[in-house]
Amino acid sequence: MKCARMSNGLGSLLLCLMLCSSVGATEPGGRVTEPEVDLLPVVTKGIQSPVYLTHAGDGSGQLFVVEQPGTIRVIIRGILQDKPFLDITNRVLA
């Protein structure tokens, strides 16, 4: 698997969307090779301590980022939305 480590320093984050270029291939002898993975930048700043990234599951392309302080942020067409989808910072100890 080909992976790259990327960092932009403290205070900024680079979320990466993993795109598999193949599902995997079988070598002679029945050995399965792992697919190559390319990392593409999704958001480069504005996210605080992300702990989870998922998609909407409805084909819209929206991504949801769970932040440790207690917010869920939405990324639409590569743009981080200003208003959180959910904010429970007053209910969690982060």
N, C-alpha and C. Protein backbone atom coordinates (compact mmCIF):
# COMPACT_ATOMS: atom_id res chain seq x y z
N MET A 1 0.85 -1.17 0.00
CA MET A 1 0.00 0.00 0.00
C MET A 1 0.89 1.23 0.00
N LYS A 2 0.63 2.17 -0.90
CA LYS A 2 1.42 3.40 -0.99
C LYS A 2 0.69 4.49 -0.23
N CYS A 3 1.29 5.01 0.84
CA CYS A 3 0.68 6.06 1.64
C CYS A 3 1.67 7.19 1.81
N ALA A 4 1.17 8.37 2.03
CA ALA A 4 2.03 9.53 2.26
C ALA A 4 1.63 10.18 3.57
N ARG A 5 2.61 10.60 4.34
CA ARG A 5 2.34 11.33 5.58
C ARG A 5 2.42 12.82 5.25
N MET A 6 1.38 13.55 5.63
CA MET A 6 1.33 14.97 5.33
C MET A 6 1.05 15.74 6.61
N SER A 7 1.71 16.87 6.79
CA SER A 7 1.42 17.72 7.94
C SER A 7 1.63 19.16 7.56
N ASN A 8 0.83 20.03 8.14
CA ASN A 8 0.93 21.46 7.89
C ASN A 8 1.28 22.21 9.15
N GLY A 9 1.72 21.55 10.20
CA GLY A 9 2.07 22.23 11.44
C GLY A 9 0.88 22.32 12.37
N LEU A 10 1.13 22.90 13.56
CA LEU A 10 0.08 23.04 14.56
C LEU A 10 -0.98 24.02 14.10
N GLY A 11 -2.20 23.80 14.51
CA GLY A 11 -3.29 24.71 14.20
C GLY A 11 -3.95 24.47 12.86
N SER A 12 -3.39 23.63 12.04
CA SER A 12 -4.05 23.33 10.77
C SER A 12 -4.04 21.84 10.55
N LEU A 13 -4.88 21.40 9.69
CA LEU A 13 -5.05 19.97 9.49
C LEU A 13 -5.29 19.69 8.03
N LEU A 14 -4.80 18.58 7.59
CA LEU A 14 -5.07 18.16 6.23
C LEU A 14 -5.80 16.84 6.31
N LEU A 15 -7.09 16.90 6.04
CA LEU A 15 -7.86 15.66 5.98
C LEU A 15 -7.61 15.04 4.62
N CYS A 16 -7.52 13.77 4.58
CA CYS A 16 -7.23 13.11 3.31
C CYS A 16 -8.34 12.13 2.97
N LEU A 17 -8.68 12.16 1.72
CA LEU A 17 -9.66 11.23 1.20
C LEU A 17 -8.89 10.14 0.47
N MET A 18 -9.07 8.91 0.91
CA MET A 18 -8.33 7.83 0.29
C MET A 18 -9.12 7.30 -0.90
N LEU A 19 -8.44 7.30 -2.02
CA LEU A 19 -9.04 6.78 -3.23
C LEU A 19 -8.25 5.55 -3.67
N CYS A 20 -8.91 4.45 -3.73
CA CYS A 20 -8.22 3.22 -4.15
C CYS A 20 -8.22 3.16 -5.67
N SER A 21 -7.04 2.97 -6.23
CA SER A 21 -6.94 2.92 -7.67
C SER A 21 -7.28 1.53 -8.21
N SER A 22 -7.30 0.55 -7.35
CA SER A 22 -7.73 -0.79 -7.75
C SER A 22 -8.26 -1.52 -6.53
N VAL A 23 -8.99 -2.58 -6.76
CA VAL A 23 -9.58 -3.33 -5.66
C VAL A 23 -8.60 -4.35 -5.12
N GLY A 24 -7.54 -4.57 -5.82
CA GLY A 24 -6.57 -5.58 -5.44
C GLY A 24 -6.38 -6.52 -6.60
N ALA A 25 -5.25 -7.15 -6.65
CA ALA A 25 -4.96 -8.06 -7.75
C ALA A 25 -4.44 -9.37 -7.17
N THR A 26 -4.62 -10.42 -7.93
CA THR A 26 -4.14 -11.72 -7.50
C THR A 26 -2.88 -12.04 -8.28
N GLU A 27 -1.80 -12.33 -7.57
CA GLU A 27 -0.54 -12.71 -8.18
C GLU A 27 -0.57 -14.20 -8.48
N PRO A 28 0.34 -14.66 -9.34
CA PRO A 28 0.44 -16.10 -9.56
C PRO A 28 0.67 -16.81 -8.22
N GLY A 29 0.01 -17.90 -8.03
CA GLY A 29 0.11 -18.63 -6.78
C GLY A 29 -1.01 -18.26 -5.82
N GLY A 30 -1.93 -17.38 -6.25
CA GLY A 30 -3.09 -17.04 -5.45
C GLY A 30 -2.88 -15.97 -4.40
N ARG A 31 -1.70 -15.34 -4.40
CA ARG A 31 -1.44 -14.28 -3.41
C ARG A 31 -2.15 -13.00 -3.83
N VAL A 32 -2.84 -12.37 -2.90
CA VAL A 32 -3.55 -11.12 -3.19
C VAL A 32 -2.66 -9.95 -2.81
N THR A 33 -2.52 -9.00 -3.72
CA THR A 33 -1.75 -7.80 -3.43
C THR A 33 -2.70 -6.70 -2.98
N GLU A 34 -2.18 -5.80 -2.15
CA GLU A 34 -3.01 -4.70 -1.67
C GLU A 34 -3.12 -3.63 -2.75
N PRO A 35 -4.26 -2.94 -2.80
CA PRO A 35 -4.43 -1.88 -3.79
C PRO A 35 -3.57 -0.66 -3.45
N GLU A 36 -3.23 0.11 -4.47
CA GLU A 36 -2.53 1.37 -4.23
C GLU A 36 -3.53 2.39 -3.71
N VAL A 37 -3.08 3.24 -2.81
CA VAL A 37 -3.94 4.26 -2.23
C VAL A 37 -3.30 5.62 -2.48
N ASP A 38 -4.05 6.53 -3.06
CA ASP A 38 -3.59 7.89 -3.24
C ASP A 38 -4.33 8.78 -2.26
N LEU A 39 -3.63 9.74 -1.67
CA LEU A 39 -4.23 10.65 -0.71
C LEU A 39 -4.39 12.01 -1.36
N LEU A 40 -5.60 12.54 -1.30
CA LEU A 40 -5.90 13.85 -1.86
C LEU A 40 -6.37 14.77 -0.76
N PRO A 41 -5.94 16.02 -0.75
CA PRO A 41 -6.39 16.95 0.30
C PRO A 41 -7.87 17.25 0.17
N VAL A 42 -8.57 17.27 1.30
CA VAL A 42 -9.99 17.61 1.32
C VAL A 42 -10.17 18.98 1.96
N VAL A 43 -9.60 19.18 3.13
CA VAL A 43 -9.66 20.46 3.84
C VAL A 43 -8.29 20.69 4.45
N THR A 44 -7.78 21.91 4.34
CA THR A 44 -6.44 22.18 4.86
C THR A 44 -6.43 23.00 6.14
N LYS A 45 -7.56 23.62 6.51
CA LYS A 45 -7.60 24.38 7.76
C LYS A 45 -9.04 24.53 8.23
N GLY A 46 -9.19 24.86 9.53
CA GLY A 46 -10.51 25.09 10.09
C GLY A 46 -11.08 23.97 10.92
N ILE A 47 -10.44 22.81 10.93
CA ILE A 47 -10.91 21.67 11.71
C ILE A 47 -10.09 21.61 13.00
N GLN A 48 -10.79 21.34 14.13
CA GLN A 48 -10.13 21.27 15.43
C GLN A 48 -10.19 19.86 15.99
N SER A 49 -9.06 19.22 16.11
CA SER A 49 -8.93 17.87 16.71
C SER A 49 -9.94 16.88 16.15
N PRO A 50 -9.87 16.55 14.86
CA PRO A 50 -10.83 15.59 14.28
C PRO A 50 -10.59 14.18 14.82
N VAL A 51 -11.68 13.45 15.04
CA VAL A 51 -11.56 12.08 15.51
C VAL A 51 -12.25 11.09 14.58
N TYR A 52 -13.08 11.59 13.65
CA TYR A 52 -13.80 10.69 12.75
C TYR A 52 -14.24 11.45 11.51
N LEU A 53 -14.21 10.79 10.38
CA LEU A 53 -14.65 11.35 9.10
C LEU A 53 -15.52 10.32 8.41
N THR A 54 -16.70 10.74 7.94
CA THR A 54 -17.59 9.84 7.22
C THR A 54 -18.35 10.61 6.16
N HIS A 55 -19.04 9.89 5.29
CA HIS A 55 -19.84 10.53 4.24
C HIS A 55 -21.32 10.43 4.59
N ALA A 56 -22.13 11.20 3.87
CA ALA A 56 -23.57 11.25 4.17
C ALA A 56 -24.28 9.95 3.80
N GLY A 57 -23.75 9.20 2.85
CA GLY A 57 -24.37 7.94 2.47
C GLY A 57 -25.55 8.09 1.53
N ASP A 58 -25.76 9.31 1.03
CA ASP A 58 -26.91 9.54 0.15
C ASP A 58 -26.49 9.96 -1.26
N GLY A 59 -25.20 9.85 -1.56
CA GLY A 59 -24.71 10.21 -2.89
C GLY A 59 -24.47 11.70 -3.07
N SER A 60 -24.67 12.50 -2.03
CA SER A 60 -24.52 13.95 -2.15
C SER A 60 -23.05 14.39 -2.14
N GLY A 61 -22.17 13.53 -1.66
CA GLY A 61 -20.76 13.89 -1.56
C GLY A 61 -20.41 14.65 -0.29
N GLN A 62 -21.40 14.91 0.55
CA GLN A 62 -21.13 15.61 1.80
C GLN A 62 -20.30 14.73 2.74
N LEU A 63 -19.35 15.38 3.42
CA LEU A 63 -18.54 14.69 4.42
C LEU A 63 -18.84 15.29 5.79
N PHE A 64 -18.82 14.45 6.80
CA PHE A 64 -19.03 14.89 8.18
C PHE A 64 -17.77 14.61 8.98
N VAL A 65 -17.30 15.62 9.71
CA VAL A 65 -16.09 15.51 10.52
C VAL A 65 -16.48 15.69 11.98
N VAL A 66 -16.19 14.70 12.80
CA VAL A 66 -16.44 14.79 14.23
C VAL A 66 -15.19 15.36 14.88
N GLU A 67 -15.36 16.46 15.62
CA GLU A 67 -14.25 17.10 16.31
C GLU A 67 -14.31 16.76 17.79
N GLN A 68 -13.15 16.54 18.39
CA GLN A 68 -13.09 16.13 19.79
C GLN A 68 -13.79 17.09 20.75
N PRO A 69 -13.74 18.40 20.54
CA PRO A 69 -14.42 19.30 21.49
C PRO A 69 -15.94 19.15 21.54
N GLY A 70 -16.54 18.42 20.57
CA GLY A 70 -17.98 18.18 20.63
C GLY A 70 -18.79 18.76 19.49
N THR A 71 -18.17 18.95 18.35
CA THR A 71 -18.90 19.45 17.19
C THR A 71 -18.77 18.48 16.02
N ILE A 72 -19.77 18.53 15.15
CA ILE A 72 -19.72 17.81 13.88
C ILE A 72 -19.78 18.87 12.80
N ARG A 73 -18.77 18.90 11.95
CA ARG A 73 -18.68 19.88 10.88
C ARG A 73 -18.99 19.21 9.55
N VAL A 74 -19.49 19.97 8.59
CA VAL A 74 -19.87 19.46 7.28
C VAL A 74 -18.96 20.05 6.22
N ILE A 75 -18.52 19.20 5.29
CA ILE A 75 -17.76 19.63 4.12
C ILE A 75 -18.62 19.35 2.90
N ILE A 76 -18.95 20.40 2.14
CA ILE A 76 -19.77 20.28 0.94
C ILE A 76 -18.94 20.75 -0.25
N ARG A 77 -18.76 19.85 -1.21
CA ARG A 77 -17.97 20.15 -2.42
C ARG A 77 -16.60 20.72 -2.07
N GLY A 78 -15.97 20.18 -1.05
CA GLY A 78 -14.64 20.60 -0.66
C GLY A 78 -14.58 21.85 0.19
N ILE A 79 -15.74 22.40 0.58
CA ILE A 79 -15.77 23.63 1.37
C ILE A 79 -16.31 23.33 2.76
N LEU A 80 -15.51 23.65 3.77
CA LEU A 80 -15.94 23.48 5.16
C LEU A 80 -16.99 24.53 5.49
N GLN A 81 -18.15 24.09 5.93
CA GLN A 81 -19.24 25.00 6.27
C GLN A 81 -18.95 25.69 7.60
N ASP A 82 -19.31 26.97 7.69
CA ASP A 82 -19.05 27.75 8.90
C ASP A 82 -19.83 27.25 10.11
N LYS A 83 -21.10 26.96 9.90
CA LYS A 83 -21.98 26.55 11.00
C LYS A 83 -21.87 25.03 11.21
N PRO A 84 -21.60 24.59 12.46
CA PRO A 84 -21.54 23.15 12.73
C PRO A 84 -22.90 22.48 12.49
N PHE A 85 -22.86 21.23 12.07
CA PHE A 85 -24.07 20.42 11.92
C PHE A 85 -24.66 20.13 13.29
N LEU A 86 -23.77 19.92 14.28
CA LEU A 86 -24.18 19.64 15.65
C LEU A 86 -23.11 20.20 16.58
N ASP A 87 -23.54 20.84 17.65
CA ASP A 87 -22.60 21.41 18.62
C ASP A 87 -23.05 21.02 20.03
N ILE A 88 -22.29 20.11 20.65
CA ILE A 88 -22.60 19.69 22.02
C ILE A 88 -21.40 19.96 22.93
N THR A 89 -20.65 21.01 22.59
CA THR A 89 -19.44 21.33 23.37
C THR A 89 -19.76 21.59 24.84
N ASN A 90 -20.96 22.07 25.13
CA ASN A 90 -21.32 22.35 26.53
C ASN A 90 -21.71 21.07 27.27
N ARG A 91 -21.75 19.93 26.59
CA ARG A 91 -22.15 18.67 27.22
C ARG A 91 -21.05 17.65 27.32
N VAL A 92 -19.87 17.95 26.77
CA VAL A 92 -18.78 16.97 26.77
C VAL A 92 -17.57 17.54 27.48
N LEU A 93 -16.74 16.63 27.97
CA LEU A 93 -15.45 17.00 28.54
C LEU A 93 -14.39 16.55 27.55
N ALA A 94 -13.83 17.48 26.83
CA ALA A 94 -12.85 17.11 25.80
C ALA A 94 -11.44 17.31 26.28
